[in-house]
C-alpha atoms as a PDB file:
ATOM      1  CA  MET A   1      -3.908  18.340 -15.165  1.00  0.00           C
ATOM      2  CA  TYR A   2      -4.131  15.171 -17.211  1.00  0.00           C
ATOM      3  CA  PHE A   3      -2.541  14.226 -20.521  1.00  0.00           C
ATOM      4  CA  ASN A   4      -4.780  14.797 -23.513  1.00  0.00           C
ATOM      5  CA  ALA A   5      -5.046  12.256 -26.351  1.00  0.00           C
ATOM      6  CA  GLU A   6      -2.106  13.756 -28.242  1.00  0.00           C
ATOM      7  CA  GLN A   7       0.113  13.720 -25.147  1.00  0.00           C
ATOM      8  CA  ILE A   8      -0.839  10.107 -24.384  1.00  0.00           C
ATOM      9  CA  LEU A   9       0.193   9.141 -27.910  1.00  0.00           C
ATOM     10  CA  LEU A  10       3.468  11.020 -27.444  1.00  0.00           C
ATOM     11  CA  ALA A  11       4.082   9.078 -24.194  1.00  0.00           C
ATOM     12  CA  LYS A  12       3.419   5.749 -25.951  1.00  0.00           C
ATOM     13  CA  LYS A  13       5.897   6.651 -28.691  1.00  0.00           C
ATOM     14  CA  ALA A  14       8.465   7.731 -26.081  1.00  0.00           C
ATOM     15  CA  PHE A  15       8.208   4.363 -24.316  1.00  0.00           C
ATOM     16  CA  ALA A  16       8.507   2.441 -27.599  1.00  0.00           C
ATOM     17  CA  HIS A  17      11.605   4.447 -28.536  1.00  0.00           C
ATOM     18  CA  ALA A  18      13.067   4.147 -25.026  1.00  0.00           C
ATOM     19  CA  GLU A  19      12.615   0.361 -25.150  1.00  0.00           C
ATOM     20  CA  GLN A  20      14.652   0.202 -28.352  1.00  0.00           C
ATOM     21  CA  LEU A  21      17.414   2.362 -26.925  1.00  0.00           C
ATOM     22  CA  ALA A  22      17.600   0.643 -23.534  1.00  0.00           C
ATOM     23  CA  THR A  23      17.503  -2.910 -24.865  1.00  0.00           C
ATOM     24  CA  ARG A  24      20.269  -2.025 -27.317  1.00  0.00           C
ATOM     25  CA  TYR A  25      22.344  -0.515 -24.478  1.00  0.00           C
ATOM     26  CA  PHE A  26      21.860  -3.538 -22.200  1.00  0.00           C
ATOM     27  CA  ARG A  27      22.051  -5.972 -25.119  1.00  0.00           C
ATOM     28  CA  THR A  28      18.859  -7.662 -24.054  1.00  0.00           C
ATOM     29  CA  ARG A  29      15.922  -8.748 -26.174  1.00  0.00           C
ATOM     30  CA  ARG A  30      12.837  -6.530 -26.296  1.00  0.00           C
ATOM     31  CA  GLU A  31      10.607  -9.592 -25.978  1.00  0.00           C
ATOM     32  CA  LYS A  32      11.918 -10.068 -22.427  1.00  0.00           C
ATOM     33  CA  LEU A  33      10.436  -6.684 -21.517  1.00  0.00           C
ATOM     34  CA  ALA A  34       7.135  -7.214 -23.299  1.00  0.00           C
ATOM     35  CA  TYR A  35       5.180  -8.532 -20.329  1.00  0.00           C
ATOM     36  CA  ARG A  36       7.310  -7.093 -17.549  1.00  0.00           C
ATOM     37  CA  TYR A  37       5.790  -3.636 -17.341  1.00  0.00           C
ATOM     38  CA  ASP A  38       2.862  -1.480 -18.293  1.00  0.00           C
ATOM     39  CA  VAL A  39       2.376   2.282 -18.295  1.00  0.00           C
ATOM     40  CA  LYS A  40      -0.541   4.173 -16.791  1.00  0.00           C
ATOM     41  CA  THR A  41      -1.253   7.885 -16.808  1.00  0.00           C
ATOM     42  CA  LEU A  42      -2.588   9.799 -13.821  1.00  0.00           C
ATOM     43  CA  ALA A  43      -6.248   9.402 -14.824  1.00  0.00           C
ATOM     44  CA  TYR A  44      -5.917   5.608 -14.494  1.00  0.00           C
ATOM     45  CA  LEU A  45      -3.799   5.347 -11.344  1.00  0.00           C
ATOM     46  CA  GLU A  46      -4.958   3.970  -8.027  1.00  0.00           C
ATOM     47  CA  ASP A  47      -4.518   6.248  -5.013  1.00  0.00           C
ATOM     48  CA  HIS A  48      -1.382   4.425  -3.843  1.00  0.00           C
ATOM     49  CA  GLU A  49       0.191   4.901  -7.292  1.00  0.00           C
ATOM     50  CA  VAL A  50       0.065   8.706  -7.140  1.00  0.00           C
ATOM     51  CA  ASN A  51       3.329  10.341  -6.119  1.00  0.00           C
ATOM     52  CA  GLU A  52       3.679  14.093  -5.659  1.00  0.00           C
ATOM     53  CA  ARG A  53       7.500  13.992  -5.643  1.00  0.00           C
ATOM     54  CA  ALA A  54       8.276  12.437  -9.027  1.00  0.00           C
ATOM     55  CA  PHE A  55       7.451  12.605 -12.720  1.00  0.00           C
ATOM     56  CA  ALA A  56       6.974   8.847 -12.670  1.00  0.00           C
ATOM     57  CA  HIS A  57       7.661   5.914 -10.433  1.00  0.00           C
ATOM     58  CA  LEU A  58       7.434   2.146 -10.465  1.00  0.00           C
ATOM     59  CA  CYS A  59       5.092  -0.104  -8.554  1.00  0.00           C
ATOM     60  CA  LYS A  60       5.718  -3.846  -8.486  1.00  0.00           C
ATOM     61  CA  TYR A  61       2.808  -6.275  -8.615  1.00  0.00           C
ATOM     62  CA  HIS A  62       2.666 -10.050  -8.227  1.00  0.00           C
ATOM     63  CA  TYR A  63       0.302 -12.417  -9.983  1.00  0.00           C
ATOM     64  CA  GLN A  64      -1.028 -15.105  -7.741  1.00  0.00           C
ATOM     65  CA  LYS A  65      -2.385 -17.942  -9.818  1.00  0.00           C
ATOM     66  CA  ASP A  66      -1.859 -20.815  -7.421  1.00  0.00           C
ATOM     67  CA  HIS A  67      -0.679 -20.924  -3.812  1.00  0.00           C
ATOM     68  CA  ALA A  68       1.434 -23.979  -4.597  1.00  0.00           C
ATOM     69  CA  GLU A  69       3.372 -22.153  -7.293  1.00  0.00           C
ATOM     70  CA  ARG A  70       6.919 -21.407  -6.142  1.00  0.00           C
ATOM     71  CA  SER A  71       7.958 -18.529  -8.361  1.00  0.00           C
ATOM     72  CA  GLU A  72       5.663 -15.544  -8.201  1.00  0.00           C
ATOM     73  CA  PRO A  73       5.352 -13.936 -11.620  1.00  0.00           C
ATOM     74  CA  HIS A  74       5.498 -10.172 -11.334  1.00  0.00           C
ATOM     75  CA  PHE A  75       5.339  -7.040 -13.401  1.00  0.00           C
ATOM     76  CA  TYR A  76       6.037  -3.359 -12.922  1.00  0.00           C
ATOM     77  CA  ARG A  77       3.699  -0.480 -13.504  1.00  0.00           C
ATOM     78  CA  VAL A  78       5.184   2.831 -14.613  1.00  0.00           C
ATOM     79  CA  CYS A  79       2.940   5.405 -12.957  1.00  0.00           C
ATOM     80  CA  LEU A  80       3.153   8.638 -14.937  1.00  0.00           C
ATOM     81  CA  GLN A  81       2.310  11.740 -12.939  1.00  0.00           C
ATOM     82  CA  ASP A  82       0.822  13.833 -15.758  1.00  0.00           C
ATOM     83  CA  ASN A  83       0.266  16.845 -13.525  1.00  0.00           C
ATOM     84  CA  ARG A  84       3.919  17.017 -12.442  1.00  0.00           C
ATOM     85  CA  ILE A  85       5.224  16.521 -15.974  1.00  0.00           C
ATOM     86  CA  LEU A  86       2.908  19.107 -17.529  1.00  0.00           C
ATOM     87  CA  ASP A  87       3.604  21.555 -14.709  1.00  0.00           C
ATOM     88  CA  ALA A  88       7.376  21.271 -15.300  1.00  0.00           C
ATOM     89  CA  VAL A  89       6.935  21.914 -19.029  1.00  0.00           C
ATOM     90  CA  GLU A  90       4.642  24.868 -18.329  1.00  0.00           C
ATOM     91  CA  ARG A  91       6.966  26.378 -15.691  1.00  0.00           C
ATOM     92  CA  ALA A  92       9.960  26.030 -18.024  1.00  0.00           C
ATOM     93  CA  HIS A  93       8.289  28.533 -20.378  1.00  0.00           C
ATOM     94  CA  SER A  94       9.127  26.642 -23.554  1.00  0.00           C
ATOM     95  CA  PHE A  95      12.730  25.851 -22.565  1.00  0.00           C
ATOM     96  CA  ILE A  96      11.837  22.232 -21.836  1.00  0.00           C
ATOM     97  CA  LYS A  97       9.646  20.487 -24.365  1.00  0.00           C
ATOM     98  CA  LEU A  98       7.366  17.564 -23.572  1.00  0.00           C
ATOM     99  CA  ASP A  99       8.868  15.262 -26.256  1.00  0.00           C
ATOM    100  CA  PRO A 100      12.433  15.084 -24.900  1.00  0.00           C
ATOM    101  CA  LEU A 101      11.267  15.103 -21.277  1.00  0.00           C
ATOM    102  CA  MET A 102       8.971  12.109 -21.935  1.00  0.00           C
ATOM    103  CA  LEU A 103      11.777  10.237 -23.688  1.00  0.00           C
ATOM    104  CA  TYR A 104      14.029  10.860 -20.687  1.00  0.00           C
ATOM    105  CA  ILE A 105      11.350   9.702 -18.232  1.00  0.00           C
ATOM    106  CA  ALA A 106      10.523   6.612 -20.317  1.00  0.00           C
ATOM    107  CA  THR A 107      14.172   5.629 -20.706  1.00  0.00           C
ATOM    108  CA  HIS A 108      14.828   6.180 -17.006  1.00  0.00           C
ATOM    109  CA  GLU A 109      11.928   3.939 -15.940  1.00  0.00           C
ATOM    110  CA  ILE A 110      12.779   1.198 -18.439  1.00  0.00           C
ATOM    111  CA  VAL A 111      16.379   1.210 -17.203  1.00  0.00           C
ATOM    112  CA  HIS A 112      15.023   0.580 -13.697  1.00  0.00           C
ATOM    113  CA  VAL A 113      12.909  -2.336 -14.947  1.00  0.00           C
ATOM    114  CA  ILE A 114      15.849  -3.918 -16.784  1.00  0.00           C
ATOM    115  CA  ARG A 115      18.169  -3.495 -13.793  1.00  0.00           C
ATOM    116  CA  PHE A 116      15.608  -5.033 -11.423  1.00  0.00           C
ATOM    117  CA  GLU A 117      14.964  -7.935 -13.783  1.00  0.00           C
ATOM    118  CA  CYS A 118      18.687  -8.600 -14.340  1.00  0.00           C
ATOM    119  CA  GLY A 119      19.383  -8.515 -10.615  1.00  0.00           C
ATOM    120  CA  GLU A 120      21.634  -5.463 -10.873  1.00  0.00           C
ATOM    121  CA  SER A 121      19.471  -3.721  -8.290  1.00  0.00           C
ATOM    122  CA  LYS A 122      16.751  -4.692  -5.832  1.00  0.00           C
ATOM    123  CA  PHE A 123      13.271  -3.216  -5.962  1.00  0.00           C
ATOM    124  CA  ASP A 124      12.871  -3.567  -2.197  1.00  0.00           C
ATOM    125  CA  ALA A 125      16.084  -1.825  -1.181  1.00  0.00           C
ATOM    126  CA  SER A 126      16.938   0.448   1.718  1.00  0.00           C
ATOM    127  CA  GLN A 127      16.525   4.198   1.268  1.00  0.00           C
ATOM    128  CA  GLU A 128      20.290   4.616   0.918  1.00  0.00           C
ATOM    129  CA  GLU A 129      20.424   1.904  -1.760  1.00  0.00           C
ATOM    130  CA  LYS A 130      17.469   3.504  -3.577  1.00  0.00           C
ATOM    131  CA  GLU A 131      19.261   6.861  -3.673  1.00  0.00           C
ATOM    132  CA  GLU A 132      22.365   5.168  -5.067  1.00  0.00           C
ATOM    133  CA  GLU A 133      20.196   3.355  -7.632  1.00  0.00           C
ATOM    134  CA  GLU A 134      18.690   6.693  -8.723  1.00  0.00           C
ATOM    135  CA  ARG A 135      22.180   8.142  -9.269  1.00  0.00           C
ATOM    136  CA  ASN A 136      23.195   5.046 -11.260  1.00  0.00           C
ATOM    137  CA  VAL A 137      20.031   5.108 -13.373  1.00  0.00           C
ATOM    138  CA  HIS A 138      20.402   8.838 -14.084  1.00  0.00           C
ATOM    139  CA  GLY A 139      23.953   8.159 -15.279  1.00  0.00           C
ATOM    140  CA  ILE A 140      22.912   5.231 -17.469  1.00  0.00           C
ATOM    141  CA  THR A 141      19.975   7.192 -18.883  1.00  0.00           C
ATOM    142  CA  ARG A 142      22.316  10.067 -19.769  1.00  0.00           C
ATOM    143  CA  SER A 143      24.711   7.619 -21.468  1.00  0.00           C
ATOM    144  CA  ILE A 144      21.902   6.086 -23.501  1.00  0.00           C
ATOM    145  CA  LEU A 145      20.460   9.428 -24.573  1.00  0.00           C
ATOM    146  CA  GLN A 146      23.602  11.542 -25.018  1.00  0.00           C
ATOM    147  CA  SER A 147      24.232  10.033 -28.406  1.00  0.00           C
ATOM    148  CA  LYS A 148      20.770  11.094 -29.532  1.00  0.00           C
ATOM    149  CA  ILE A 149      20.649  14.456 -31.209  1.00  0.00           C
ATOM    150  CA  TYR A 150      17.332  16.119 -30.553  1.00  0.00           C
ATOM    151  CA  GLN A 151      16.495  19.752 -30.540  1.00  0.00           C
ATOM    152  CA  ASP A 152      16.101  20.951 -26.930  1.00  0.00           C
ATOM    153  CA  PHE A 153      17.336  17.618 -25.530  1.00  0.00           C
ATOM    154  CA  THR A 154      20.572  18.916 -24.034  1.00  0.00           C
ATOM    155  CA  LEU A 155      18.612  21.091 -21.612  1.00  0.00           C
ATOM    156  CA  VAL A 156      16.651  18.075 -20.344  1.00  0.00           C
ATOM    157  CA  LEU A 157      19.899  16.148 -19.775  1.00  0.00           C
ATOM    158  CA  ASP A 158      21.364  19.157 -17.971  1.00  0.00           C
ATOM    159  CA  CYS A 159      18.312  19.372 -15.722  1.00  0.00           C
ATOM    160  CA  PHE A 160      18.921  15.803 -14.549  1.00  0.00           C
ATOM    161  CA  SER A 161      22.619  16.335 -13.915  1.00  0.00           C
ATOM    162  CA  ASN A 162      23.986  16.747 -10.414  1.00  0.00           C
ATOM    163  CA  ARG A 163      23.914  20.540 -10.802  1.00  0.00           C
ATOM    164  CA  TYR A 164      20.156  20.903 -10.803  1.00  0.00           C
ATOM    165  CA  GLN A 165      17.177  19.565  -8.891  1.00  0.00           C
ATOM    166  CA  ILE A 166      13.872  19.505 -10.728  1.00  0.00           C
END
């Protein structure tokens, strides 16, 4: 299953909204994020970017302009797993809507990017550190989104609490 044109537009809007919310929360400028990440849907992912265990995940890429250059510019790719996202919405039988789920996913991934860029977490961490980072990012994402009042959004937040495993 792949996102259709309407769902791709919804994902773009979710990431734009999530950027606003996350940059406000971290008190950072949106321009700093502008060239730090991109978003790809399943139809455009490389084989190594497909992940059957997540709704989305980050890959980190380095630009190599010149071997003499000391700092390696990098960016992150948010790899949306359309099939997993659409399957979760379908299995939830209308309890979980795509709009709030996409906003949660977008906010969660942008929080990761900001934390990596600010040095609050390391992209290349041990498995134990990655699990701790996931717990931290879930908590931050909940804090950012709890103040938002959306129909059907509370259920999405509950699904990502410690009580449930999606």
